[in-house]
Amino acid sequence: MTLSRSLRTRAINSILGLLFISFVSASAQDKVHQDPNPSKGKTVYELRIYYPHEGKLEGILSRFRNHTTSLFEKHGFTNVGYWVTRPGGEPSFANSMIAGNGGKEALLYIVSFPDMESRNASWEAFVKDPEWIKVYEESRVNGPLVREIEQVYLNPTDFSTLK
């Protein structure tokens, strides 16, 4: 089954709650009053999916394991979690929606920031970091690792255990 990018993005939003329940545990917090502008000044979670070029997943994982996650922290990112999609026998509908990668593996990760302004500043500093530029170029000596990147911005609800 082939789904359009916009349908995959909508589907990702629909099932992100399941990812959090399944993979991330956090202590419950008291319910706070509802804010009419839920994104202003609130934590931003960013889900990113990296679809690798054929045979390049290990290169992506190595780059993240050995360099990217520590550089993220250096620039104010909070590393929430990292996962590799797990292809099964026959892809489920949810699996097709989350990672439309032809049944192949992809890297999914979630990072967070205090707010969108912090997110933008952190990414800007990260991509300009000389160490990142060097690591990025070295990892591409035998060709690019990532074929496509999808991203979704998330703000926690008032009932989320993650705030």
C-alpha atoms as a PDB file:
ATOM      1  CA  MET A   1       0.000   0.000   0.000  1.00  0.00           C
ATOM      2  CA  THR A   2       1.382   3.402  -0.968  1.00  0.00           C
ATOM      3  CA  LEU A   3       0.157   6.419   0.983  1.00  0.00           C
ATOM      4  CA  SER A   4       0.696  10.045   0.116  1.00  0.00           C
ATOM      5  CA  ARG A   5       3.064  12.120   2.235  1.00  0.00           C
ATOM      6  CA  SER A   6       0.184  14.189   3.653  1.00  0.00           C
ATOM      7  CA  LEU A   7      -1.792  11.065   4.590  1.00  0.00           C
ATOM      8  CA  ARG A   8       1.280   9.595   6.286  1.00  0.00           C
ATOM      9  CA  THR A   9       1.812  12.843   8.188  1.00  0.00           C
ATOM     10  CA  ARG A  10      -1.818  12.907   9.368  1.00  0.00           C
ATOM     11  CA  ALA A  11      -1.598   9.259  10.319  1.00  0.00           C
ATOM     12  CA  ILE A  12       1.603   9.877  12.260  1.00  0.00           C
ATOM     13  CA  ASN A  13      -0.172  12.566  14.272  1.00  0.00           C
ATOM     14  CA  SER A  14      -3.051  10.174  14.963  1.00  0.00           C
ATOM     15  CA  ILE A  15      -0.913   7.431  16.414  1.00  0.00           C
ATOM     16  CA  LEU A  16       1.825   9.359  18.195  1.00  0.00           C
ATOM     17  CA  GLY A  17       0.011   8.844  21.462  1.00  0.00           C
ATOM     18  CA  LEU A  18       0.573   5.122  21.024  1.00  0.00           C
ATOM     19  CA  LEU A  19       4.296   5.667  20.560  1.00  0.00           C
ATOM     20  CA  PHE A  20       4.498   7.644  23.769  1.00  0.00           C
ATOM     21  CA  ILE A  21       2.479   5.077  25.715  1.00  0.00           C
ATOM     22  CA  SER A  22       4.512   2.195  24.310  1.00  0.00           C
ATOM     23  CA  PHE A  23       8.015   3.604  24.466  1.00  0.00           C
ATOM     24  CA  VAL A  24       8.265   6.570  26.813  1.00  0.00           C
ATOM     25  CA  SER A  25       7.468   6.557  30.497  1.00  0.00           C
ATOM     26  CA  ALA A  26       7.269   9.682  32.563  1.00  0.00           C
ATOM     27  CA  SER A  27       5.962  10.489  35.988  1.00  0.00           C
ATOM     28  CA  ALA A  28       2.389  11.723  36.013  1.00  0.00           C
ATOM     29  CA  GLN A  29       1.967  15.418  36.672  1.00  0.00           C
ATOM     30  CA  ASP A  30      -0.972  17.300  38.129  1.00  0.00           C
ATOM     31  CA  LYS A  31      -3.523  18.376  35.556  1.00  0.00           C
ATOM     32  CA  VAL A  32      -3.146  22.067  34.789  1.00  0.00           C
ATOM     33  CA  HIS A  33      -5.749  24.537  33.553  1.00  0.00           C
ATOM     34  CA  GLN A  34      -6.432  24.494  29.840  1.00  0.00           C
ATOM     35  CA  ASP A  35      -4.576  27.113  27.872  1.00  0.00           C
ATOM     36  CA  PRO A  36      -6.436  28.722  24.952  1.00  0.00           C
ATOM     37  CA  ASN A  37      -3.127  28.873  23.013  1.00  0.00           C
ATOM     38  CA  PRO A  38      -1.632  25.429  23.690  1.00  0.00           C
ATOM     39  CA  SER A  39       1.617  25.888  21.740  1.00  0.00           C
ATOM     40  CA  LYS A  40       2.782  29.284  23.018  1.00  0.00           C
ATOM     41  CA  GLY A  41       5.627  28.948  25.501  1.00  0.00           C
ATOM     42  CA  LYS A  42       5.156  25.193  25.840  1.00  0.00           C
ATOM     43  CA  THR A  43       7.476  22.288  25.287  1.00  0.00           C
ATOM     44  CA  VAL A  44       7.815  21.286  21.648  1.00  0.00           C
ATOM     45  CA  TYR A  45       8.453  17.665  20.759  1.00  0.00           C
ATOM     46  CA  GLU A  46       9.777  16.997  17.287  1.00  0.00           C
ATOM     47  CA  LEU A  47       9.302  13.609  15.681  1.00  0.00           C
ATOM     48  CA  ARG A  48      11.633  12.969  12.764  1.00  0.00           C
ATOM     49  CA  ILE A  49      11.739   9.974  10.443  1.00  0.00           C
ATOM     50  CA  TYR A  50      14.884   9.315   8.427  1.00  0.00           C
ATOM     51  CA  TYR A  51      14.426   7.082   5.400  1.00  0.00           C
ATOM     52  CA  PRO A  52      17.860   5.716   4.468  1.00  0.00           C
ATOM     53  CA  HIS A  53      19.274   5.079   1.051  1.00  0.00           C
ATOM     54  CA  GLU A  54      19.618   1.358   0.352  1.00  0.00           C
ATOM     55  CA  GLY A  55      22.168  -0.199   2.714  1.00  0.00           C
ATOM     56  CA  LYS A  56      22.789   3.039   4.643  1.00  0.00           C
ATOM     57  CA  LEU A  57      20.794   2.520   7.871  1.00  0.00           C
ATOM     58  CA  GLU A  58      23.866   1.382   9.835  1.00  0.00           C
ATOM     59  CA  GLY A  59      25.702   4.518   8.724  1.00  0.00           C
ATOM     60  CA  ILE A  60      22.861   6.696  10.019  1.00  0.00           C
ATOM     61  CA  LEU A  61      22.758   4.809  13.322  1.00  0.00           C
ATOM     62  CA  SER A  62      26.535   5.073  13.713  1.00  0.00           C
ATOM     63  CA  ARG A  63      26.457   8.816  13.051  1.00  0.00           C
ATOM     64  CA  PHE A  64      23.727   9.310  15.658  1.00  0.00           C
ATOM     65  CA  ARG A  65      25.319   6.944  18.189  1.00  0.00           C
ATOM     66  CA  ASN A  66      28.813   8.404  17.923  1.00  0.00           C
ATOM     67  CA  HIS A  67      28.206  12.076  17.185  1.00  0.00           C
ATOM     68  CA  THR A  68      24.734  13.472  16.601  1.00  0.00           C
ATOM     69  CA  THR A  69      23.082  12.821  19.968  1.00  0.00           C
ATOM     70  CA  SER A  70      25.924  14.460  21.916  1.00  0.00           C
ATOM     71  CA  LEU A  71      25.967  17.405  19.499  1.00  0.00           C
ATOM     72  CA  PHE A  72      22.206  17.721  19.956  1.00  0.00           C
ATOM     73  CA  GLU A  73      22.709  17.972  23.724  1.00  0.00           C
ATOM     74  CA  LYS A  74      25.502  20.525  23.227  1.00  0.00           C
ATOM     75  CA  HIS A  75      23.007  22.743  21.375  1.00  0.00           C
ATOM     76  CA  GLY A  76      20.078  22.452  23.801  1.00  0.00           C
ATOM     77  CA  PHE A  77      18.165  19.473  22.368  1.00  0.00           C
ATOM     78  CA  THR A  78      16.675  16.949  24.774  1.00  0.00           C
ATOM     79  CA  ASN A  79      17.025  13.433  23.363  1.00  0.00           C
ATOM     80  CA  VAL A  80      13.681  11.763  24.158  1.00  0.00           C
ATOM     81  CA  GLY A  81      14.033   8.500  22.257  1.00  0.00           C
ATOM     82  CA  TYR A  82      15.291   6.740  19.162  1.00  0.00           C
ATOM     83  CA  TRP A  83      13.754   3.743  17.376  1.00  0.00           C
ATOM     84  CA  VAL A  84      14.200   1.745  14.211  1.00  0.00           C
ATOM     85  CA  THR A  85      11.038   0.589  12.499  1.00  0.00           C
ATOM     86  CA  ARG A  86      10.664  -3.134  12.583  1.00  0.00           C
ATOM     87  CA  PRO A  87       9.302  -4.590   9.389  1.00  0.00           C
ATOM     88  CA  GLY A  88       7.056  -7.577   9.892  1.00  0.00           C
ATOM     89  CA  GLY A  89       5.804 -10.266   7.553  1.00  0.00           C
ATOM     90  CA  GLU A  90       2.867  -8.380   6.102  1.00  0.00           C
ATOM     91  CA  PRO A  91       2.897  -4.650   6.908  1.00  0.00           C
ATOM     92  CA  SER A  92       0.040  -3.493   9.079  1.00  0.00           C
ATOM     93  CA  PHE A  93      -1.948  -0.419   8.141  1.00  0.00           C
ATOM     94  CA  ALA A  94      -0.377   1.524  11.042  1.00  0.00           C
ATOM     95  CA  ASN A  95       3.121   0.468   9.993  1.00  0.00           C
ATOM     96  CA  SER A  96       2.438   1.664   6.454  1.00  0.00           C
ATOM     97  CA  MET A  97       1.248   5.014   7.800  1.00  0.00           C
ATOM     98  CA  ILE A  98       4.130   5.585  10.190  1.00  0.00           C
ATOM     99  CA  ALA A  99       6.954   4.713   7.884  1.00  0.00           C
ATOM    100  CA  GLY A 100       6.099   4.519   4.221  1.00  0.00           C
ATOM    101  CA  ASN A 101       9.438   3.018   3.362  1.00  0.00           C
ATOM    102  CA  GLY A 102       8.426   0.010   1.305  1.00  0.00           C
ATOM    103  CA  GLY A 103       8.598  -2.302   4.313  1.00  0.00           C
ATOM    104  CA  LYS A 104      12.222  -1.368   4.985  1.00  0.00           C
ATOM    105  CA  GLU A 105      13.708  -0.015   8.175  1.00  0.00           C
ATOM    106  CA  ALA A 106      13.826   3.685   9.014  1.00  0.00           C
ATOM    107  CA  LEU A 107      15.074   5.692  11.990  1.00  0.00           C
ATOM    108  CA  LEU A 108      12.422   7.457  14.061  1.00  0.00           C
ATOM    109  CA  TYR A 109      13.403   9.778  16.862  1.00  0.00           C
ATOM    110  CA  ILE A 110      11.900  12.370  19.146  1.00  0.00           C
ATOM    111  CA  VAL A 111      13.740  15.375  20.541  1.00  0.00           C
ATOM    112  CA  SER A 112      12.268  18.169  22.631  1.00  0.00           C
ATOM    113  CA  PHE A 113      12.784  21.854  23.312  1.00  0.00           C
ATOM    114  CA  PRO A 114      11.341  24.326  25.836  1.00  0.00           C
ATOM    115  CA  ASP A 115       9.469  26.128  23.016  1.00  0.00           C
ATOM    116  CA  MET A 116       9.541  26.668  19.255  1.00  0.00           C
ATOM    117  CA  GLU A 117      11.926  29.612  19.503  1.00  0.00           C
ATOM    118  CA  SER A 118      14.435  27.442  21.383  1.00  0.00           C
ATOM    119  CA  ARG A 119      13.932  24.691  18.824  1.00  0.00           C
ATOM    120  CA  ASN A 120      14.751  27.010  15.943  1.00  0.00           C
ATOM    121  CA  ALA A 121      17.826  28.451  17.676  1.00  0.00           C
ATOM    122  CA  SER A 122      19.110  24.973  18.610  1.00  0.00           C
ATOM    123  CA  TRP A 123      18.768  23.622  15.073  1.00  0.00           C
ATOM    124  CA  GLU A 124      20.431  26.729  13.627  1.00  0.00           C
ATOM    125  CA  ALA A 125      23.396  26.383  15.997  1.00  0.00           C
ATOM    126  CA  PHE A 126      23.630  22.632  15.353  1.00  0.00           C
ATOM    127  CA  VAL A 127      23.799  22.846  11.547  1.00  0.00           C
ATOM    128  CA  LYS A 128      26.475  25.581  11.773  1.00  0.00           C
ATOM    129  CA  ASP A 129      28.630  23.680  14.281  1.00  0.00           C
ATOM    130  CA  PRO A 130      32.040  22.952  12.672  1.00  0.00           C
ATOM    131  CA  GLU A 131      32.157  19.529  14.345  1.00  0.00           C
ATOM    132  CA  TRP A 132      28.765  18.596  12.851  1.00  0.00           C
ATOM    133  CA  ILE A 133      29.785  19.846   9.411  1.00  0.00           C
ATOM    134  CA  LYS A 134      32.917  17.661   9.555  1.00  0.00           C
ATOM    135  CA  VAL A 135      31.015  14.578  10.775  1.00  0.00           C
ATOM    136  CA  TYR A 136      28.295  15.097   8.173  1.00  0.00           C
ATOM    137  CA  GLU A 137      30.770  15.390   5.292  1.00  0.00           C
ATOM    138  CA  GLU A 138      32.806  12.386   6.475  1.00  0.00           C
ATOM    139  CA  SER A 139      29.664  10.245   6.733  1.00  0.00           C
ATOM    140  CA  ARG A 140      28.797  11.037   3.096  1.00  0.00           C
ATOM    141  CA  VAL A 141      32.130   9.992   1.554  1.00  0.00           C
ATOM    142  CA  ASN A 142      30.474   6.917   0.003  1.00  0.00           C
ATOM    143  CA  GLY A 143      27.247   8.734  -0.835  1.00  0.00           C
ATOM    144  CA  PRO A 144      24.408  10.287   1.155  1.00  0.00           C
ATOM    145  CA  LEU A 145      22.888   8.264   3.982  1.00  0.00           C
ATOM    146  CA  VAL A 146      19.418   9.788   4.159  1.00  0.00           C
ATOM    147  CA  ARG A 147      16.988   9.670   1.236  1.00  0.00           C
ATOM    148  CA  GLU A 148      14.130  11.596   2.862  1.00  0.00           C
ATOM    149  CA  ILE A 149      13.262  13.217   6.193  1.00  0.00           C
ATOM    150  CA  GLU A 150       9.788  13.759   7.602  1.00  0.00           C
ATOM    151  CA  GLN A 151       9.088  15.803  10.697  1.00  0.00           C
ATOM    152  CA  VAL A 152       6.104  16.552  12.882  1.00  0.00           C
ATOM    153  CA  TYR A 153       5.935  19.130  15.679  1.00  0.00           C
ATOM    154  CA  LEU A 154       4.028  18.146  18.793  1.00  0.00           C
ATOM    155  CA  ASN A 155       2.787  20.044  21.817  1.00  0.00           C
ATOM    156  CA  PRO A 156       1.720  17.995  24.835  1.00  0.00           C
ATOM    157  CA  THR A 157      -1.924  18.023  25.841  1.00  0.00           C
ATOM    158  CA  ASP A 158      -3.033  18.992  29.338  1.00  0.00           C
ATOM    159  CA  PHE A 159      -3.516  15.274  30.138  1.00  0.00           C
ATOM    160  CA  SER A 160      -0.155  14.069  28.781  1.00  0.00           C
ATOM    161  CA  THR A 161       2.382  12.647  31.213  1.00  0.00           C
ATOM    162  CA  LEU A 162       5.031  14.375  29.134  1.00  0.00           C
ATOM    163  CA  LYS A 163       4.841  18.157  29.434  1.00  0.00           C
END
